[in-house]
């Protein structure tokens, strides 16, 4: 159940990427991939750290996925800016 929560949170936060200039690597799809994978990774790490299984959910299950989601989107944004600079410098 927790996997569904992390995935859903990644999608929910991804919707706010429309307020940011589209410089994500692979565009809006890259933002989606970064949000979902980041949310699932930090959510899983948190569940393992506190000793809960992936079937248990509570409010901390949701909150644990938020930093990873933002970091994943930030990473994809940073990679997109780097690709844009490399393209312009050639």
N, C-alpha and C. Protein backbone atom coordinates (compact mmCIF):
# COMPACT_ATOMS: atom_id res chain seq x y z
N UNK A 1 0.82 -1.19 0.00
CA UNK A 1 0.00 0.00 0.00
C UNK A 1 0.86 1.26 0.00
N UNK A 2 2.01 1.19 0.68
CA UNK A 2 2.87 2.36 0.75
C UNK A 2 3.42 2.73 -0.62
N UNK A 3 3.66 1.73 -1.46
CA UNK A 3 4.17 2.00 -2.81
C UNK A 3 3.17 2.83 -3.59
N UNK A 4 1.90 2.52 -3.44
CA UNK A 4 0.85 3.29 -4.10
C UNK A 4 0.83 4.73 -3.58
N UNK A 5 1.03 4.90 -2.29
CA UNK A 5 1.06 6.24 -1.69
C UNK A 5 2.22 7.05 -2.25
N UNK A 6 3.40 6.46 -2.33
CA UNK A 6 4.57 7.18 -2.84
C UNK A 6 4.38 7.55 -4.31
N UNK A 7 3.87 6.60 -5.09
CA UNK A 7 3.64 6.86 -6.51
C UNK A 7 2.64 7.99 -6.70
N UNK A 8 1.56 7.94 -5.95
CA UNK A 8 0.53 8.97 -6.06
C UNK A 8 1.04 10.33 -5.63
N UNK A 9 1.86 10.37 -4.58
CA UNK A 9 2.43 11.64 -4.15
C UNK A 9 3.36 12.20 -5.21
N UNK A 10 4.15 11.33 -5.84
CA UNK A 10 5.03 11.78 -6.93
C UNK A 10 4.24 12.42 -8.06
N UNK A 11 3.13 11.81 -8.42
CA UNK A 11 2.29 12.37 -9.47
C UNK A 11 1.68 13.69 -9.02
N UNK A 12 1.26 13.77 -7.77
CA UNK A 12 0.62 14.98 -7.27
C UNK A 12 1.59 16.16 -7.27
N UNK A 13 2.81 15.93 -6.83
CA UNK A 13 3.80 17.02 -6.82
C UNK A 13 4.24 17.35 -8.24
N UNK A 14 4.29 16.36 -9.10
CA UNK A 14 4.69 16.57 -10.49
C UNK A 14 3.76 17.57 -11.19
N UNK A 15 2.50 17.59 -10.82
CA UNK A 15 1.57 18.52 -11.44
C UNK A 15 1.99 19.98 -11.26
N UNK A 16 2.75 20.28 -10.21
CA UNK A 16 3.18 21.65 -9.98
C UNK A 16 4.37 22.04 -10.85
N UNK A 17 4.88 21.13 -11.65
CA UNK A 17 6.00 21.47 -12.53
C UNK A 17 5.57 22.40 -13.66
N UNK A 18 4.28 22.59 -13.86
CA UNK A 18 3.83 23.51 -14.89
C UNK A 18 4.13 24.97 -14.51
N UNK A 19 4.43 25.22 -13.24
CA UNK A 19 4.73 26.57 -12.80
C UNK A 19 6.21 26.92 -12.95
N UNK A 20 7.00 25.96 -13.42
CA UNK A 20 8.45 26.13 -13.58
C UNK A 20 8.74 26.15 -15.07
N UNK A 21 9.70 26.96 -15.53
CA UNK A 21 10.04 26.93 -16.96
C UNK A 21 10.46 25.51 -17.38
N UNK A 22 10.06 25.12 -18.56
CA UNK A 22 10.29 23.74 -19.02
C UNK A 22 11.74 23.54 -19.47
N UNK A 23 12.59 23.29 -18.50
CA UNK A 23 13.99 23.01 -18.79
C UNK A 23 14.40 21.64 -18.26
N UNK A 24 13.41 20.82 -17.94
CA UNK A 24 13.70 19.48 -17.44
C UNK A 24 14.31 18.65 -18.55
N UNK A 25 15.21 17.74 -18.18
CA UNK A 25 15.72 16.81 -19.18
C UNK A 25 14.55 15.95 -19.62
N UNK A 26 14.39 15.77 -20.90
CA UNK A 26 13.28 15.05 -21.53
C UNK A 26 11.94 15.73 -21.31
N UNK A 27 11.94 17.02 -20.99
CA UNK A 27 10.71 17.78 -20.87
C UNK A 27 9.84 17.36 -19.70
N UNK A 28 8.54 17.40 -19.90
CA UNK A 28 7.60 17.12 -18.83
C UNK A 28 7.66 15.65 -18.41
N UNK A 29 8.04 14.78 -19.34
CA UNK A 29 8.18 13.36 -19.02
C UNK A 29 9.36 13.16 -18.07
N UNK A 30 10.43 13.91 -18.27
CA UNK A 30 11.57 13.84 -17.37
C UNK A 30 11.21 14.30 -15.97
N UNK A 31 10.39 15.33 -15.88
CA UNK A 31 9.94 15.80 -14.57
C UNK A 31 9.10 14.72 -13.89
N UNK A 32 8.27 14.03 -14.66
CA UNK A 32 7.45 12.95 -14.13
C UNK A 32 8.33 11.81 -13.61
N UNK A 33 9.30 11.41 -14.40
CA UNK A 33 10.20 10.31 -14.01
C UNK A 33 10.97 10.68 -12.75
N UNK A 34 11.51 11.90 -12.70
CA UNK A 34 12.25 12.33 -11.52
C UNK A 34 11.39 12.38 -10.28
N UNK A 35 10.17 12.87 -10.41
CA UNK A 35 9.27 12.98 -9.26
C UNK A 35 8.89 11.60 -8.73
N UNK A 36 8.51 10.71 -9.60
CA UNK A 36 8.04 9.40 -9.16
C UNK A 36 9.18 8.55 -8.60
N UNK A 37 10.30 8.51 -9.30
CA UNK A 37 11.42 7.69 -8.82
C UNK A 37 11.98 8.27 -7.52
N UNK A 38 12.11 9.58 -7.43
CA UNK A 38 12.59 10.19 -6.19
C UNK A 38 11.68 9.92 -5.01
N UNK A 39 10.38 10.03 -5.23
CA UNK A 39 9.41 9.77 -4.16
C UNK A 39 9.46 8.32 -3.71
N UNK A 40 9.58 7.42 -4.65
CA UNK A 40 9.60 6.00 -4.29
C UNK A 40 10.89 5.62 -3.58
N UNK A 41 12.01 6.19 -3.99
CA UNK A 41 13.28 5.86 -3.34
C UNK A 41 13.33 6.35 -1.90
N UNK A 42 13.00 7.62 -1.67
CA UNK A 42 13.07 8.11 -0.29
C UNK A 42 11.98 7.50 0.58
N UNK A 43 10.83 7.24 0.00
CA UNK A 43 9.78 6.57 0.77
C UNK A 43 10.21 5.19 1.21
N UNK A 44 10.82 4.43 0.30
CA UNK A 44 11.29 3.10 0.63
C UNK A 44 12.41 3.14 1.67
N UNK A 45 13.34 4.06 1.49
CA UNK A 45 14.42 4.18 2.47
C UNK A 45 13.90 4.52 3.85
N UNK A 46 12.90 5.38 3.91
CA UNK A 46 12.31 5.76 5.20
C UNK A 46 11.62 4.56 5.85
N UNK A 47 10.84 3.82 5.06
CA UNK A 47 10.14 2.67 5.61
C UNK A 47 11.12 1.63 6.14
N UNK A 48 12.22 1.42 5.41
CA UNK A 48 13.22 0.46 5.87
C UNK A 48 13.95 0.96 7.11
N UNK A 49 14.19 2.27 7.18
CA UNK A 49 14.91 2.83 8.32
C UNK A 49 14.11 2.73 9.62
N UNK A 50 12.80 2.92 9.54
CA UNK A 50 12.00 2.84 10.77
C UNK A 50 11.52 1.42 11.05
N UNK A 51 11.77 0.51 10.13
CA UNK A 51 11.44 -0.89 10.37
C UNK A 51 10.03 -1.30 10.01
N UNK A 52 9.30 -0.47 9.29
CA UNK A 52 7.95 -0.84 8.86
C UNK A 52 8.03 -1.57 7.52
N UNK A 53 7.00 -2.33 7.23
CA UNK A 53 6.91 -3.00 5.94
C UNK A 53 6.30 -2.08 4.91
N UNK A 54 6.31 -2.53 3.67
CA UNK A 54 5.75 -1.70 2.61
C UNK A 54 4.23 -1.73 2.61
N UNK A 55 3.65 -2.54 3.42
CA UNK A 55 2.20 -2.60 3.49
C UNK A 55 1.61 -1.63 4.51
N UNK A 56 2.44 -1.09 5.39
CA UNK A 56 1.94 -0.18 6.43
C UNK A 56 1.96 1.26 5.93
N UNK A 57 0.90 1.97 6.22
CA UNK A 57 0.84 3.38 5.83
C UNK A 57 0.38 4.23 7.01
N UNK A 58 0.89 5.43 7.06
CA UNK A 58 0.45 6.45 8.00
C UNK A 58 0.85 7.80 7.42
N UNK A 59 0.72 8.85 8.19
CA UNK A 59 1.03 10.18 7.67
C UNK A 59 2.51 10.31 7.33
N UNK A 60 3.37 9.67 8.09
CA UNK A 60 4.81 9.74 7.80
C UNK A 60 5.16 9.06 6.48
N UNK A 61 4.35 8.12 6.05
CA UNK A 61 4.57 7.48 4.75
C UNK A 61 4.50 8.51 3.63
N UNK A 62 3.55 9.40 3.74
CA UNK A 62 3.40 10.46 2.73
C UNK A 62 4.53 11.47 2.86
N UNK A 63 4.79 11.91 4.06
CA UNK A 63 5.80 12.95 4.26
C UNK A 63 7.21 12.49 3.91
N UNK A 64 7.48 11.21 4.02
CA UNK A 64 8.80 10.69 3.71
C UNK A 64 9.10 10.77 2.22
N UNK A 65 8.09 10.79 1.39
CA UNK A 65 8.30 10.80 -0.06
C UNK A 65 8.47 12.20 -0.63
N UNK A 66 8.08 13.23 0.10
CA UNK A 66 8.14 14.59 -0.42
C UNK A 66 9.56 15.06 -0.74
N UNK A 67 10.55 14.89 0.17
CA UNK A 67 11.90 15.36 -0.17
C UNK A 67 12.48 14.67 -1.40
N UNK A 68 12.27 13.38 -1.53
CA UNK A 68 12.79 12.66 -2.69
C UNK A 68 12.15 13.11 -3.98
N UNK A 69 10.87 13.40 -3.90
CA UNK A 69 10.16 13.88 -5.08
C UNK A 69 10.74 15.21 -5.56
N UNK A 70 10.95 16.11 -4.63
CA UNK A 70 11.52 17.41 -4.98
C UNK A 70 12.97 17.29 -5.44
N UNK A 71 13.73 16.41 -4.80
CA UNK A 71 15.11 16.20 -5.23
C UNK A 71 15.19 15.58 -6.61
N UNK A 72 14.31 14.64 -6.89
CA UNK A 72 14.27 14.01 -8.22
C UNK A 72 13.93 15.00 -9.31
N UNK A 73 12.95 15.84 -9.05
CA UNK A 73 12.60 16.86 -10.04
C UNK A 73 13.72 17.88 -10.17
N UNK A 74 14.35 18.23 -9.06
CA UNK A 74 15.47 19.16 -9.11
C UNK A 74 16.64 18.62 -9.90
N UNK A 75 16.91 17.32 -9.75
CA UNK A 75 17.98 16.69 -10.50
C UNK A 75 17.69 16.72 -12.00
N UNK A 76 16.47 16.39 -12.38
CA UNK A 76 16.11 16.41 -13.80
C UNK A 76 16.15 17.83 -14.36
N UNK A 77 15.80 18.81 -13.54
CA UNK A 77 15.87 20.20 -13.98
C UNK A 77 17.33 20.61 -14.20
N UNK A 78 18.18 20.23 -13.26
CA UNK A 78 19.60 20.56 -13.35
C UNK A 78 20.24 19.90 -14.57
N UNK A 79 19.89 18.65 -14.83
CA UNK A 79 20.41 17.96 -16.01
C UNK A 79 19.92 18.61 -17.30
N UNK A 80 18.69 19.07 -17.29
CA UNK A 80 18.16 19.77 -18.46
C UNK A 80 18.87 21.08 -18.73
N UNK A 81 19.18 21.82 -17.68
CA UNK A 81 19.92 23.08 -17.85
C UNK A 81 21.32 22.79 -18.38
N UNK A 82 21.95 21.73 -17.85
CA UNK A 82 23.29 21.38 -18.31
C UNK A 82 23.28 20.99 -19.78
N UNK A 83 22.28 20.22 -20.21
CA UNK A 83 22.17 19.84 -21.62
C UNK A 83 21.94 21.06 -22.50
N UNK A 84 21.14 21.99 -22.00
CA UNK A 84 20.86 23.21 -22.77
C UNK A 84 22.13 24.04 -22.95
N UNK A 85 22.93 24.15 -21.90
CA UNK A 85 24.18 24.91 -21.99
C UNK A 85 25.17 24.24 -22.95
N UNK A 86 25.25 22.90 -22.90
CA UNK A 86 26.14 22.19 -23.80
C UNK A 86 25.70 22.37 -25.25
N UNK A 87 24.42 22.38 -25.48
CA UNK A 87 23.91 22.56 -26.83
C UNK A 87 24.20 23.95 -27.36
N UNK A 88 24.08 24.95 -26.51
CA UNK A 88 24.34 26.33 -26.91
C UNK A 88 25.83 26.63 -27.10
N UNK A 89 26.68 25.91 -26.37
CA UNK A 89 28.11 26.19 -26.46
C UNK A 89 28.76 25.58 -27.71
N UNK A 90 28.07 24.62 -28.33
CA UNK A 90 28.64 24.00 -29.54
C UNK A 90 28.56 24.86 -30.75
